[in-house]
Amino acid sequence: MKKDFLKQEKWTISLFLLAITIGYVSSVILIGGPVTYSAPIGSLTGFLLFESWNYRRFKKEWKSKKYRDTFREY
């Protein structure tokens, strides 16, 4: 189940990590480093909450699909 979720969300996770990396590198190049770490930590926290919400929804849908498929076999 977790592998299926990671397959589904691999582009979202990859793009988020790429955006965070680009933002950090650009702040190092332009101003010598991030002024505060609250923005990256806040965006990471928000992303983790969003993905956990998506995972819970995916798990419910996956279980209901699995439950329906078991009854179709009989």
C-alpha atoms as a PDB file:
ATOM      1  CA  MET A   1       0.000   0.000   0.000  1.00  0.00           C
ATOM      2  CA  LYS A   2       2.785   2.451   0.859  1.00  0.00           C
ATOM      3  CA  LYS A   3       4.589   1.636  -2.373  1.00  0.00           C
ATOM      4  CA  ASP A   4       1.441   2.397  -4.346  1.00  0.00           C
ATOM      5  CA  PHE A   5       1.092   5.735  -2.584  1.00  0.00           C
ATOM      6  CA  LEU A   6       4.733   6.631  -3.225  1.00  0.00           C
ATOM      7  CA  LYS A   7       4.340   5.721  -6.902  1.00  0.00           C
ATOM      8  CA  GLN A   8       1.316   8.000  -7.083  1.00  0.00           C
ATOM      9  CA  GLU A   9       2.980  10.907  -5.271  1.00  0.00           C
ATOM     10  CA  LYS A  10       6.551  10.615  -6.586  1.00  0.00           C
ATOM     11  CA  TRP A  11       6.309  13.666  -8.843  1.00  0.00           C
ATOM     12  CA  THR A  12       4.773  15.817  -6.127  1.00  0.00           C
ATOM     13  CA  ILE A  13       7.506  14.904  -3.655  1.00  0.00           C
ATOM     14  CA  SER A  14      10.251  15.330  -6.263  1.00  0.00           C
ATOM     15  CA  LEU A  15       9.012  18.748  -7.350  1.00  0.00           C
ATOM     16  CA  PHE A  16       8.711  19.923  -3.745  1.00  0.00           C
ATOM     17  CA  LEU A  17      12.270  18.847  -2.945  1.00  0.00           C
ATOM     18  CA  LEU A  18      13.518  20.486  -6.146  1.00  0.00           C
ATOM     19  CA  ALA A  19      11.746  23.752  -5.311  1.00  0.00           C
ATOM     20  CA  ILE A  20      13.125  23.790  -1.751  1.00  0.00           C
ATOM     21  CA  THR A  21      16.629  23.077  -3.044  1.00  0.00           C
ATOM     22  CA  ILE A  22      16.431  25.786  -5.702  1.00  0.00           C
ATOM     23  CA  GLY A  23      15.128  28.261  -3.149  1.00  0.00           C
ATOM     24  CA  TYR A  24      17.943  27.492  -0.730  1.00  0.00           C
ATOM     25  CA  VAL A  25      20.655  27.647  -3.392  1.00  0.00           C
ATOM     26  CA  SER A  26      19.332  30.923  -4.777  1.00  0.00           C
ATOM     27  CA  SER A  27      19.253  32.464  -1.303  1.00  0.00           C
ATOM     28  CA  VAL A  28      22.856  31.372  -0.728  1.00  0.00           C
ATOM     29  CA  ILE A  29      23.930  32.846  -4.058  1.00  0.00           C
ATOM     30  CA  LEU A  30      22.009  36.105  -3.743  1.00  0.00           C
ATOM     31  CA  ILE A  31      22.286  37.030  -0.062  1.00  0.00           C
ATOM     32  CA  GLY A  32      24.765  34.577   1.438  1.00  0.00           C
ATOM     33  CA  GLY A  33      22.257  32.221   3.019  1.00  0.00           C
ATOM     34  CA  PRO A  34      18.700  32.197   4.259  1.00  0.00           C
ATOM     35  CA  VAL A  35      17.773  35.068   6.561  1.00  0.00           C
ATOM     36  CA  THR A  36      15.640  32.817   8.732  1.00  0.00           C
ATOM     37  CA  TYR A  37      14.836  29.153   8.706  1.00  0.00           C
ATOM     38  CA  SER A  38      11.176  29.645   9.592  1.00  0.00           C
ATOM     39  CA  ALA A  39      10.000  29.799   5.972  1.00  0.00           C
ATOM     40  CA  PRO A  40      11.588  26.502   4.854  1.00  0.00           C
ATOM     41  CA  ILE A  41      10.518  24.801   8.073  1.00  0.00           C
ATOM     42  CA  GLY A  42       6.984  26.153   7.700  1.00  0.00           C
ATOM     43  CA  SER A  43       6.698  25.030   4.095  1.00  0.00           C
ATOM     44  CA  LEU A  44       8.120  21.601   4.978  1.00  0.00           C
ATOM     45  CA  THR A  45       5.642  21.250   7.845  1.00  0.00           C
ATOM     46  CA  GLY A  46       2.768  22.262   5.583  1.00  0.00           C
ATOM     47  CA  PHE A  47       3.876  19.836   2.887  1.00  0.00           C
ATOM     48  CA  LEU A  48       4.160  16.970   5.395  1.00  0.00           C
ATOM     49  CA  LEU A  49       0.687  17.711   6.767  1.00  0.00           C
ATOM     50  CA  PHE A  50      -0.708  17.849   3.238  1.00  0.00           C
ATOM     51  CA  GLU A  51       0.929  14.537   2.286  1.00  0.00           C
ATOM     52  CA  SER A  52      -0.238  12.834   5.483  1.00  0.00           C
ATOM     53  CA  TRP A  53      -3.777  13.979   4.696  1.00  0.00           C
ATOM     54  CA  ASN A  54      -3.401  12.609   1.161  1.00  0.00           C
ATOM     55  CA  TYR A  55      -2.052   9.328   2.532  1.00  0.00           C
ATOM     56  CA  ARG A  56      -4.997   8.907   4.896  1.00  0.00           C
ATOM     57  CA  ARG A  57      -7.402   9.531   2.018  1.00  0.00           C
ATOM     58  CA  PHE A  58      -5.476   7.133  -0.213  1.00  0.00           C
ATOM     59  CA  LYS A  59      -5.501   4.466   2.504  1.00  0.00           C
ATOM     60  CA  LYS A  60      -9.275   4.721   2.944  1.00  0.00           C
ATOM     61  CA  GLU A  61      -9.846   4.464  -0.800  1.00  0.00           C
ATOM     62  CA  TRP A  62      -7.400   1.574  -1.091  1.00  0.00           C
ATOM     63  CA  LYS A  63      -9.067  -0.367   1.724  1.00  0.00           C
ATOM     64  CA  SER A  64     -12.543   0.187   0.324  1.00  0.00           C
ATOM     65  CA  LYS A  65     -11.362  -0.919  -3.118  1.00  0.00           C
ATOM     66  CA  LYS A  66      -9.702  -3.984  -1.633  1.00  0.00           C
ATOM     67  CA  TYR A  67     -12.852  -4.735   0.383  1.00  0.00           C
ATOM     68  CA  ARG A  68     -15.027  -4.492  -2.736  1.00  0.00           C
ATOM     69  CA  ASP A  69     -12.648  -6.662  -4.739  1.00  0.00           C
ATOM     70  CA  THR A  70     -12.765  -9.468  -2.155  1.00  0.00           C
ATOM     71  CA  PHE A  71     -16.531  -9.723  -2.504  1.00  0.00           C
ATOM     72  CA  ARG A  72     -16.367  -9.740  -6.292  1.00  0.00           C
ATOM     73  CA  GLU A  73     -14.254 -12.893  -6.213  1.00  0.00           C
ATOM     74  CA  TYR A  74     -17.004 -14.948  -4.581  1.00  0.00           C
END
